[in-house]
Amino acid sequence: MTEKILILDFGSQYTQLIARAVREANVYCEIVPFHKGEYNDPAIKGIILSGSPFSVNDANAPETDVAELNIRYPVLGICYGAQLTAKLFGGRVEKSDKREYGRAFMLQQKTDPLFAGIQSRTQVWMSHSDSIKELPSGFEVLATTESIPVAAFRKKVTGEVADTAKHSENVARAALYGLQFHPEVYHSTEGKTILKNFLYNICGCTGDWTPAHFVTETVDALREKIGSRKVIMALSGGVDSTVAATLISKAIGKNLSGIFVDNGVLRKDEFTQVLKTYEQLDLNVKGVNAREHFYTKLAGKTDPEEKRKIIGKTFIEVFDEEAHKLQGIEMLGQGTIYPDVIESISVHGPSVTIKSHHNVGGLPDTMKLELVEPLRFLFKDEVRRVGAELGIPSEMLNRHPFPGPGLAIRILGEVTEEKVL
């Protein structure tokens, strides 16, 4: 069972950076909206509370029961998460005399496992308009800066004193910390070490979440989920779809059927090169030359958005036609990655659509297939590391992204075969 850290998202622009830093420490984590956390998973080792654009004193400020969480898990509040913790336990949080944004220097006042290996004076990154003016009873200051009296704090614990990296289980579980600064960003020079200390020294994580571990665990899970059923997948030559297909193929072999469509607006020689790589990876992929069909549909069209929509709709038509040539397909593989998932369940709802195309947009509804998304909890750089573990050539893992509309958007005016060539 993979150990897990939950990051409760209060809407901060930095939340994904927290997750990236946790995963760089080889600890698995998930981002969940602050009001939708599921806390009965025995794999959970700790909770991190993110920042937020809100003030804790706003009438509609997002809240969660930090005390209830802390009965079961170690908790680390970052910026808003720290201010919320202080307020809910009876402290005083007020608007700062001026918004503090940028570099500051944290000055340690007490030793603590959270600061193991950290210099007594270290650069941190501030971004807040509220400050903790008074800590609740039973809490103590761990660090200050030149301008704020509470840069880091902890709840006092009974039992073994927490001045070494070895807490007793009970003391560790009761650990509750707050940081007024953002340890997850680059300008907090030792911030990632602080986060690692929380993961290892406080939560007791072992750091076993590696690409090799992910591959083994995912292939086993895919094999169990899919069984003897058949999967179809649209492949684009991109890193996400290629890594997803390779994982599925390792689980079910030739029961995965891939479709790679030449829409006539790919890069030079891309269709041939990608198919050759898929063959080297022993993927069961069919290449479909639909260039003329796409050119016909695009004839006379000059508006970029209209060209996007035509390419997306035509792709679905071609894919659907090819899919119906296969027998017994019950599942659809996709290369969905974690940023897509986070956006769809964000605190404030999905973000505004920036582009209208997606290689397989609409397929699940029209084809009534169950989705298989082996990468849905990975960031892009993690996908690449998993791909390297799977033996996928580096030139494919590091290819420059080239979205579906491809050359059609780069070509001004009407798309013709002559212009593509």
Protein backbone atom coordinates (compact mmCIF):
# COMPACT_ATOMS: atom_id res chain seq x y z
CA MET A 1 0.00 0.00 0.00
CA THR A 2 1.51 3.34 -1.11
CA GLU A 3 1.81 5.86 1.71
CA LYS A 4 0.08 9.14 0.99
CA ILE A 5 0.07 12.80 1.95
CA LEU A 6 -3.14 14.77 1.43
CA ILE A 7 -2.86 18.40 0.40
CA LEU A 8 -6.04 20.33 1.16
CA ASP A 9 -6.43 23.03 -1.48
CA PHE A 10 -7.80 26.40 -0.40
CA GLY A 11 -7.26 27.91 -3.84
CA SER A 12 -3.60 28.93 -3.78
CA GLN A 13 -1.70 29.43 -7.02
CA TYR A 14 1.14 27.49 -5.38
CA THR A 15 -0.76 24.33 -4.44
CA GLN A 16 0.61 22.29 -7.34
CA LEU A 17 4.14 23.34 -6.37
CA ILE A 18 3.59 21.84 -2.92
CA ALA A 19 2.57 18.57 -4.55
CA ARG A 20 5.57 18.65 -6.87
CA ALA A 21 7.93 19.17 -3.93
CA VAL A 22 6.36 16.30 -1.97
CA ARG A 23 6.66 13.95 -4.93
CA GLU A 24 10.25 15.00 -5.58
CA ALA A 25 10.89 13.59 -2.11
CA ASN A 26 9.53 10.23 -3.43
CA VAL A 27 6.35 10.52 -1.38
CA TYR A 28 2.99 10.14 -3.10
CA CYS A 29 0.47 12.90 -2.50
CA GLU A 30 -2.93 14.01 -3.76
CA ILE A 31 -4.52 17.44 -3.94
CA VAL A 32 -8.15 17.56 -2.79
CA PRO A 33 -10.51 20.54 -2.33
CA PHE A 34 -10.52 21.63 1.32
CA HIS A 35 -14.17 20.58 1.72
CA LYS A 36 -13.98 17.21 -0.07
CA GLY A 37 -11.25 15.28 1.69
CA GLU A 38 -11.69 11.56 2.43
CA TYR A 39 -9.78 10.76 5.60
CA ASN A 40 -10.43 7.06 6.16
CA ASP A 41 -7.59 5.83 3.97
CA PRO A 42 -5.03 4.00 6.16
CA ALA A 43 -2.32 5.01 3.68
CA ILE A 44 -2.58 8.68 4.72
CA LYS A 45 0.48 9.72 6.72
CA GLY A 46 -0.10 13.45 7.06
CA ILE A 47 -2.02 16.53 5.93
CA ILE A 48 -0.77 19.77 4.37
CA LEU A 49 -3.03 22.84 4.29
CA SER A 50 -2.34 25.09 1.28
CA GLY A 51 -2.37 28.85 0.94
CA SER A 52 -5.35 30.80 -0.40
CA PRO A 53 -6.26 34.11 -2.03
CA PHE A 54 -8.77 34.61 0.82
CA SER A 55 -8.25 36.20 4.20
CA VAL A 56 -9.18 33.99 7.15
CA ASN A 57 -11.31 36.92 8.33
CA ASP A 58 -13.42 37.07 5.17
CA ALA A 59 -17.08 36.22 5.67
CA ASN A 60 -16.82 33.45 3.07
CA ALA A 61 -13.33 32.25 4.05
CA PRO A 62 -12.86 28.51 3.36
CA GLU A 63 -12.44 26.42 6.49
CA THR A 64 -11.82 22.84 7.54
CA ASP A 65 -11.74 21.30 11.01
CA VAL A 66 -7.99 21.35 11.66
CA ALA A 67 -8.37 20.07 15.23
CA GLU A 68 -10.31 17.02 14.03
CA LEU A 69 -7.69 16.29 11.37
CA ASN A 70 -4.90 16.65 13.89
CA ILE A 71 -6.40 14.02 16.17
CA ARG A 72 -5.49 11.49 13.48
CA TYR A 73 -2.63 12.99 11.47
CA PRO A 74 0.33 15.35 11.63
CA VAL A 75 -0.70 18.65 10.00
CA LEU A 76 1.37 21.38 8.33
CA GLY A 77 -0.34 24.67 7.48
CA ILE A 78 1.28 26.86 4.85
CA CYS A 79 0.50 30.61 4.74
CA TYR A 80 -3.33 30.68 4.77
CA GLY A 81 -3.25 27.16 6.24
CA ALA A 82 -1.10 28.46 9.09
CA GLN A 83 -3.32 31.51 9.66
CA LEU A 84 -6.45 29.34 9.63
CA THR A 85 -4.90 26.98 12.17
CA ALA A 86 -4.00 29.85 14.46
CA LYS A 87 -7.45 31.40 14.21
CA LEU A 88 -9.41 28.16 14.72
CA PHE A 89 -7.45 27.37 17.89
CA GLY A 90 -8.13 30.82 19.34
CA GLY A 91 -5.25 32.93 18.06
CA ARG A 92 -5.46 36.40 16.54
CA VAL A 93 -4.95 36.99 12.82
CA GLU A 94 -5.16 40.54 11.48
CA LYS A 95 -4.40 42.47 8.34
CA SER A 96 -0.73 43.36 8.09
CA ASP A 97 0.36 46.98 8.14
CA LYS A 98 1.46 46.33 4.58
CA ARG A 99 1.29 43.32 2.28
CA GLU A 100 4.51 41.32 2.61
CA TYR A 101 5.59 39.90 -0.72
CA GLY A 102 9.05 38.68 -1.65
CA ARG A 103 12.24 37.53 0.03
CA ALA A 104 12.68 37.54 3.79
CA PHE A 105 15.00 35.81 6.22
CA MET A 106 13.65 33.30 8.71
CA LEU A 107 15.36 33.35 12.07
CA GLN A 108 15.03 30.16 14.13
CA GLN A 109 14.03 30.61 17.75
CA LYS A 110 13.80 26.93 18.74
CA THR A 111 15.21 23.65 17.47
CA ASP A 112 12.72 21.25 15.98
CA PRO A 113 12.71 18.18 13.69
CA LEU A 114 10.98 20.36 11.10
CA PHE A 115 14.15 22.41 10.82
CA ALA A 116 16.70 19.59 10.92
CA GLY A 117 19.68 20.55 8.78
CA ILE A 118 18.36 24.09 8.21
CA GLN A 119 20.55 27.14 8.82
CA SER A 120 19.53 29.32 11.75
CA ARG A 121 19.06 32.19 9.29
CA THR A 122 17.66 31.18 5.93
CA GLN A 123 15.94 32.89 3.01
CA VAL A 124 12.19 32.31 2.60
CA TRP A 125 9.49 33.64 0.29
CA MET A 126 6.59 35.63 1.71
CA SER A 127 3.21 36.29 0.07
CA HIS A 128 0.56 37.39 2.54
CA SER A 129 -1.58 40.37 3.54
CA ASP A 130 -2.61 38.97 6.97
CA SER A 131 -0.29 38.19 9.87
CA ILE A 132 -0.58 36.08 13.00
CA LYS A 133 -0.52 38.68 15.75
CA GLU A 134 -1.05 36.28 18.65
CA LEU A 135 -0.69 32.49 18.84
CA PRO A 136 -3.34 30.37 20.57
CA SER A 137 -2.74 29.01 24.04
CA GLY A 138 -0.65 25.85 23.87
CA PHE A 139 1.32 26.96 20.77
CA GLU A 140 4.84 28.34 20.52
CA VAL A 141 6.92 30.31 18.02
CA LEU A 142 9.61 28.38 16.17
CA ALA A 143 10.87 31.19 13.93
CA THR A 144 10.48 34.88 13.17
CA THR A 145 11.59 37.22 10.39
CA GLU A 146 12.89 40.76 10.60
CA SER A 147 9.34 42.08 10.17
CA ILE A 148 6.91 39.46 11.55
CA PRO A 149 6.89 37.83 14.98
CA VAL A 150 5.43 34.49 13.86
CA ALA A 151 7.06 33.00 10.75
CA ALA A 152 6.75 29.40 11.98
CA PHE A 153 5.02 27.82 14.96
CA ARG A 154 4.03 24.48 16.45
CA LYS A 155 1.51 23.14 18.89
CA LYS A 156 3.23 22.17 22.12
CA VAL A 157 3.19 18.43 22.65
CA THR A 158 3.20 16.33 25.76
CA GLY A 159 5.31 13.21 26.09
CA GLU A 160 8.68 13.03 24.43
CA VAL A 161 10.20 16.40 23.66
CA ALA A 162 10.36 16.99 19.89
CA ASP A 163 13.95 18.17 19.69
CA THR A 164 15.20 15.11 17.83
CA ALA A 165 14.10 13.44 14.62
CA LYS A 166 12.65 10.47 16.54
CA HIS A 167 9.18 11.20 17.81
CA SER A 168 7.14 8.58 19.54
CA GLU A 169 4.17 7.55 17.40
CA ASN A 170 1.73 9.46 19.59
CA VAL A 171 3.79 12.65 19.59
CA ALA A 172 4.23 12.51 15.81
CA ARG A 173 0.53 12.01 15.23
CA ALA A 174 -0.25 15.08 17.35
CA ALA A 175 2.26 17.29 15.52
CA LEU A 176 0.73 20.52 14.25
CA TYR A 177 2.85 23.15 12.49
CA GLY A 178 2.32 26.41 10.68
CA LEU A 179 4.58 28.31 8.28
CA GLN A 180 3.80 31.90 7.30
CA PHE A 181 6.08 31.59 4.25
CA HIS A 182 5.98 29.34 1.17
CA PRO A 183 8.56 26.53 1.46
CA GLU A 184 7.49 25.04 -1.88
CA VAL A 185 8.77 27.87 -4.08
CA TYR A 186 12.26 28.26 -5.48
CA HIS A 187 13.13 31.41 -3.53
CA SER A 188 12.73 29.63 -0.18
CA THR A 189 16.25 28.28 -0.49
CA GLU A 190 15.87 25.49 2.09
CA GLY A 191 12.12 25.16 1.78
CA LYS A 192 12.14 21.74 0.19
CA THR A 193 14.32 20.45 3.00
CA ILE A 194 11.72 21.73 5.46
CA LEU A 195 9.01 19.87 3.55
CA LYS A 196 11.15 16.72 3.50
CA ASN A 197 11.60 17.04 7.24
CA PHE A 198 7.84 17.16 7.67
CA LEU A 199 7.44 14.08 5.47
CA TYR A 200 10.20 12.00 7.00
CA ASN A 201 10.79 13.30 10.52
CA ILE A 202 7.22 14.17 11.42
CA CYS A 203 4.98 11.94 9.29
CA GLY A 204 7.33 8.95 9.20
CA CYS A 205 7.22 8.52 5.42
CA THR A 206 9.72 6.11 3.88
CA GLY A 207 10.01 7.73 0.44
CA ASP A 208 9.41 4.58 -1.58
CA TRP A 209 7.34 6.17 -4.34
CA THR A 210 9.71 5.83 -7.32
CA PRO A 211 9.16 5.34 -11.07
CA ALA A 212 9.95 1.63 -10.73
CA HIS A 213 7.46 1.32 -7.87
CA PHE A 214 4.83 3.17 -9.92
CA VAL A 215 5.30 0.93 -12.95
CA THR A 216 5.01 -2.30 -10.95
CA GLU A 217 2.00 -1.11 -8.97
CA THR A 218 0.21 0.37 -11.99
CA VAL A 219 0.70 -2.61 -14.29
CA ASP A 220 -0.64 -4.93 -11.58
CA ALA A 221 -3.64 -2.64 -11.02
CA LEU A 222 -4.35 -2.38 -14.76
CA ARG A 223 -4.18 -6.15 -15.16
CA GLU A 224 -6.69 -6.58 -12.36
CA LYS A 225 -9.01 -3.82 -13.57
CA ILE A 226 -9.05 -4.74 -17.26
CA GLY A 227 -8.90 -8.52 -17.01
CA SER A 228 -9.60 -10.13 -20.39
CA ARG A 229 -11.39 -7.09 -21.80
CA LYS A 230 -10.10 -5.23 -24.85
CA VAL A 231 -8.95 -1.61 -24.86
CA ILE A 232 -8.71 0.87 -27.70
CA MET A 233 -6.60 4.00 -27.55
CA ALA A 234 -5.92 7.01 -29.76
CA LEU A 235 -2.19 7.64 -29.95
CA SER A 236 -0.62 10.92 -31.00
CA GLY A 237 3.10 10.27 -30.73
CA GLY A 238 3.16 12.49 -27.64
CA VAL A 239 4.69 11.47 -24.34
CA ASP A 240 1.43 11.11 -22.39
CA SER A 241 -0.38 8.78 -24.77
CA THR A 242 2.79 6.77 -25.46
CA VAL A 243 3.59 6.16 -21.79
CA ALA A 244 -0.06 5.35 -21.00
CA ALA A 245 -0.25 2.89 -23.90
CA THR A 246 3.02 1.21 -22.88
CA LEU A 247 1.74 0.67 -19.33
CA ILE A 248 -1.55 -0.75 -20.60
CA SER A 249 0.28 -2.94 -23.10
CA LYS A 250 2.50 -4.36 -20.35
CA ALA A 251 -0.67 -5.32 -18.49
CA ILE A 252 -2.78 -6.79 -21.32
CA GLY A 253 -0.50 -7.18 -24.36
CA LYS A 254 -2.27 -7.37 -27.72
CA ASN A 255 -5.66 -6.77 -26.10
CA LEU A 256 -4.73 -3.11 -26.47
CA SER A 257 -5.36 -1.72 -29.94
CA GLY A 258 -3.85 1.67 -30.70
CA ILE A 259 -4.94 3.98 -33.51
CA PHE A 260 -2.52 6.63 -34.80
CA VAL A 261 -4.16 8.96 -37.31
CA ASP A 262 -2.22 11.00 -39.86
CA ASN A 263 -4.39 14.13 -40.09
CA GLY A 264 -2.20 15.73 -42.73
CA VAL A 265 -0.87 18.46 -40.44
CA LEU A 266 1.78 16.50 -38.51
CA ARG A 267 5.43 17.47 -38.54
CA LYS A 268 7.63 16.32 -41.43
CA ASP A 269 8.07 12.50 -41.46
CA GLU A 270 6.39 12.27 -38.05
CA PHE A 271 3.84 9.64 -39.06
CA THR A 272 6.51 7.19 -40.23
CA GLN A 273 8.93 7.87 -37.37
CA VAL A 274 6.32 7.48 -34.65
CA LEU A 275 4.96 4.24 -36.08
CA LYS A 276 8.51 2.87 -36.18
CA THR A 277 9.00 3.72 -32.50
CA TYR A 278 5.69 2.08 -31.59
CA GLU A 279 6.84 -1.03 -33.39
CA GLN A 280 10.08 -1.01 -31.37
CA LEU A 281 8.01 -0.76 -28.19
CA ASP A 282 5.96 -3.76 -29.33
CA LEU A 283 2.75 -1.74 -29.19
CA ASN A 284 -0.19 -3.00 -31.22
CA VAL A 285 -0.79 0.19 -33.20
CA LYS A 286 -2.48 0.75 -36.55
CA GLY A 287 -1.48 3.79 -38.56
CA VAL A 288 -4.33 5.41 -40.51
CA ASN A 289 -3.49 7.74 -43.40
CA ALA A 290 -6.43 10.17 -43.44
CA ARG A 291 -4.61 13.14 -44.92
CA GLU A 292 -6.87 13.64 -47.93
CA HIS A 293 -10.00 13.33 -45.78
CA PHE A 294 -8.79 16.10 -43.47
CA TYR A 295 -7.72 18.35 -46.37
CA THR A 296 -11.19 18.00 -47.88
CA LYS A 297 -12.85 18.98 -44.60
CA LEU A 298 -10.48 21.96 -44.19
CA ALA A 299 -10.91 23.26 -47.73
CA GLY A 300 -11.73 26.96 -47.78
CA LYS A 301 -11.42 27.37 -43.98
CA THR A 302 -9.19 30.17 -42.74
CA ASP A 303 -10.28 30.93 -39.16
CA PRO A 304 -7.94 29.19 -36.64
CA GLU A 305 -10.73 28.30 -34.21
CA GLU A 306 -12.87 26.87 -37.01
CA LYS A 307 -9.89 24.80 -38.20
CA ARG A 308 -9.38 23.47 -34.65
CA LYS A 309 -13.00 22.39 -34.39
CA ILE A 310 -12.97 20.73 -37.81
CA ILE A 311 -9.82 18.77 -37.00
CA GLY A 312 -11.22 17.62 -33.66
CA LYS A 313 -14.58 16.57 -35.14
CA THR A 314 -12.95 14.84 -38.11
CA PHE A 315 -10.56 12.98 -35.84
CA ILE A 316 -13.48 11.61 -33.85
CA GLU A 317 -15.16 10.46 -37.05
CA VAL A 318 -12.01 8.67 -38.28
CA PHE A 319 -11.31 7.12 -34.89
CA ASP A 320 -14.90 5.97 -34.52
CA GLU A 321 -14.82 4.36 -37.96
CA GLU A 322 -11.60 2.50 -37.15
CA ALA A 323 -12.91 1.44 -33.74
CA HIS A 324 -15.98 -0.17 -35.29
CA LYS A 325 -13.71 -2.40 -37.37
CA LEU A 326 -12.56 -4.03 -34.14
CA GLN A 327 -14.54 -6.60 -32.19
CA GLY A 328 -15.21 -6.71 -28.46
CA ILE A 329 -13.80 -3.31 -27.47
CA GLU A 330 -15.08 -2.33 -24.03
CA MET A 331 -12.60 0.22 -22.72
CA LEU A 332 -10.92 3.44 -23.89
CA GLY A 333 -7.35 4.27 -22.86
CA GLN A 334 -6.39 7.90 -22.38
CA GLY A 335 -3.24 9.79 -21.44
CA THR A 336 -4.95 12.11 -18.94
CA ILE A 337 -2.43 13.57 -16.49
CA TYR A 338 -2.80 15.09 -13.03
CA PRO A 339 -3.07 18.81 -13.92
CA ASP A 340 -6.17 17.93 -16.00
CA VAL A 341 -7.68 16.12 -13.01
CA ILE A 342 -6.86 18.93 -10.58
CA GLU A 343 -8.44 21.52 -12.85
CA SER A 344 -11.67 19.55 -13.07
CA ILE A 345 -12.03 19.33 -9.28
CA SER A 346 -10.52 22.66 -8.25
CA VAL A 347 -11.80 24.69 -5.33
CA HIS A 348 -13.42 27.25 -7.61
CA GLY A 349 -14.54 24.88 -10.37
CA PRO A 350 -13.01 24.20 -13.80
CA SER A 351 -11.02 27.00 -15.37
CA VAL A 352 -12.17 28.82 -18.47
CA THR A 353 -11.60 26.89 -21.71
CA ILE A 354 -8.59 28.28 -23.56
CA LYS A 355 -8.65 25.94 -26.56
CA SER A 356 -11.46 23.91 -28.00
CA HIS A 357 -9.67 20.86 -29.34
CA HIS A 358 -8.68 17.62 -27.65
CA ASN A 359 -7.53 14.54 -29.53
CA VAL A 360 -10.20 12.31 -28.03
CA GLY A 361 -12.71 14.88 -26.85
CA GLY A 362 -16.24 13.47 -26.91
CA LEU A 363 -15.27 9.85 -27.43
CA PRO A 364 -16.36 8.45 -24.05
CA ASP A 365 -19.89 9.80 -24.51
CA THR A 366 -20.35 8.74 -28.10
CA MET A 367 -18.74 5.30 -27.80
CA LYS A 368 -19.95 4.30 -24.31
CA LEU A 369 -16.57 2.93 -23.30
CA GLU A 370 -15.15 2.67 -19.79
CA LEU A 371 -12.09 4.86 -19.32
CA VAL A 372 -8.60 3.60 -18.48
CA GLU A 373 -6.29 6.43 -17.37
CA PRO A 374 -3.05 5.08 -15.88
CA LEU A 375 -1.38 8.52 -15.68
CA ARG A 376 -4.21 10.50 -14.10
CA PHE A 377 -2.21 11.13 -10.91
CA LEU A 378 1.14 12.04 -12.52
CA PHE A 379 2.64 15.39 -13.43
CA LYS A 380 4.30 15.76 -16.84
CA ASP A 381 7.87 15.39 -15.54
CA GLU A 382 6.81 12.27 -13.62
CA VAL A 383 5.33 10.84 -16.83
CA ARG A 384 8.71 11.30 -18.49
CA ARG A 385 10.52 9.55 -15.63
CA VAL A 386 8.09 6.64 -15.80
CA GLY A 387 8.59 6.54 -19.56
CA ALA A 388 12.35 6.29 -19.09
CA GLU A 389 11.79 3.45 -16.62
CA LEU A 390 9.71 1.70 -19.30
CA GLY A 391 12.53 2.04 -21.86
CA ILE A 392 10.77 4.53 -24.13
CA PRO A 393 13.39 6.35 -26.27
CA SER A 394 14.42 9.76 -24.93
CA GLU A 395 13.73 11.45 -28.25
CA MET A 396 10.05 10.57 -27.85
CA LEU A 397 9.89 11.45 -24.15
CA ASN A 398 11.45 14.85 -24.79
CA ARG A 399 9.73 15.75 -28.04
CA HIS A 400 8.47 19.30 -28.27
CA PRO A 401 4.69 19.28 -27.68
CA PHE A 402 2.69 19.53 -30.90
CA PRO A 403 -1.08 19.70 -30.26
CA GLY A 404 -3.59 18.01 -32.55
CA PRO A 405 -4.33 20.97 -34.88
CA GLY A 406 -0.60 21.03 -35.62
CA LEU A 407 0.43 22.83 -38.79
CA ALA A 408 -3.16 23.84 -39.52
CA ILE A 409 -2.88 26.63 -36.95
CA ARG A 410 0.63 27.61 -37.99
CA ILE A 411 -0.45 27.91 -41.62
CA LEU A 412 -2.10 31.26 -42.27
CA GLY A 413 -5.26 31.01 -44.30
CA GLU A 414 -6.49 27.85 -46.00
CA VAL A 415 -4.73 24.53 -45.30
CA THR A 416 -3.56 22.72 -48.44
CA GLU A 417 -1.21 19.81 -49.00
CA GLU A 418 1.17 22.13 -50.84
CA LYS A 419 1.41 24.48 -47.85
CA VAL A 420 1.98 21.56 -45.46
CA LEU A 421 4.80 20.22 -47.59
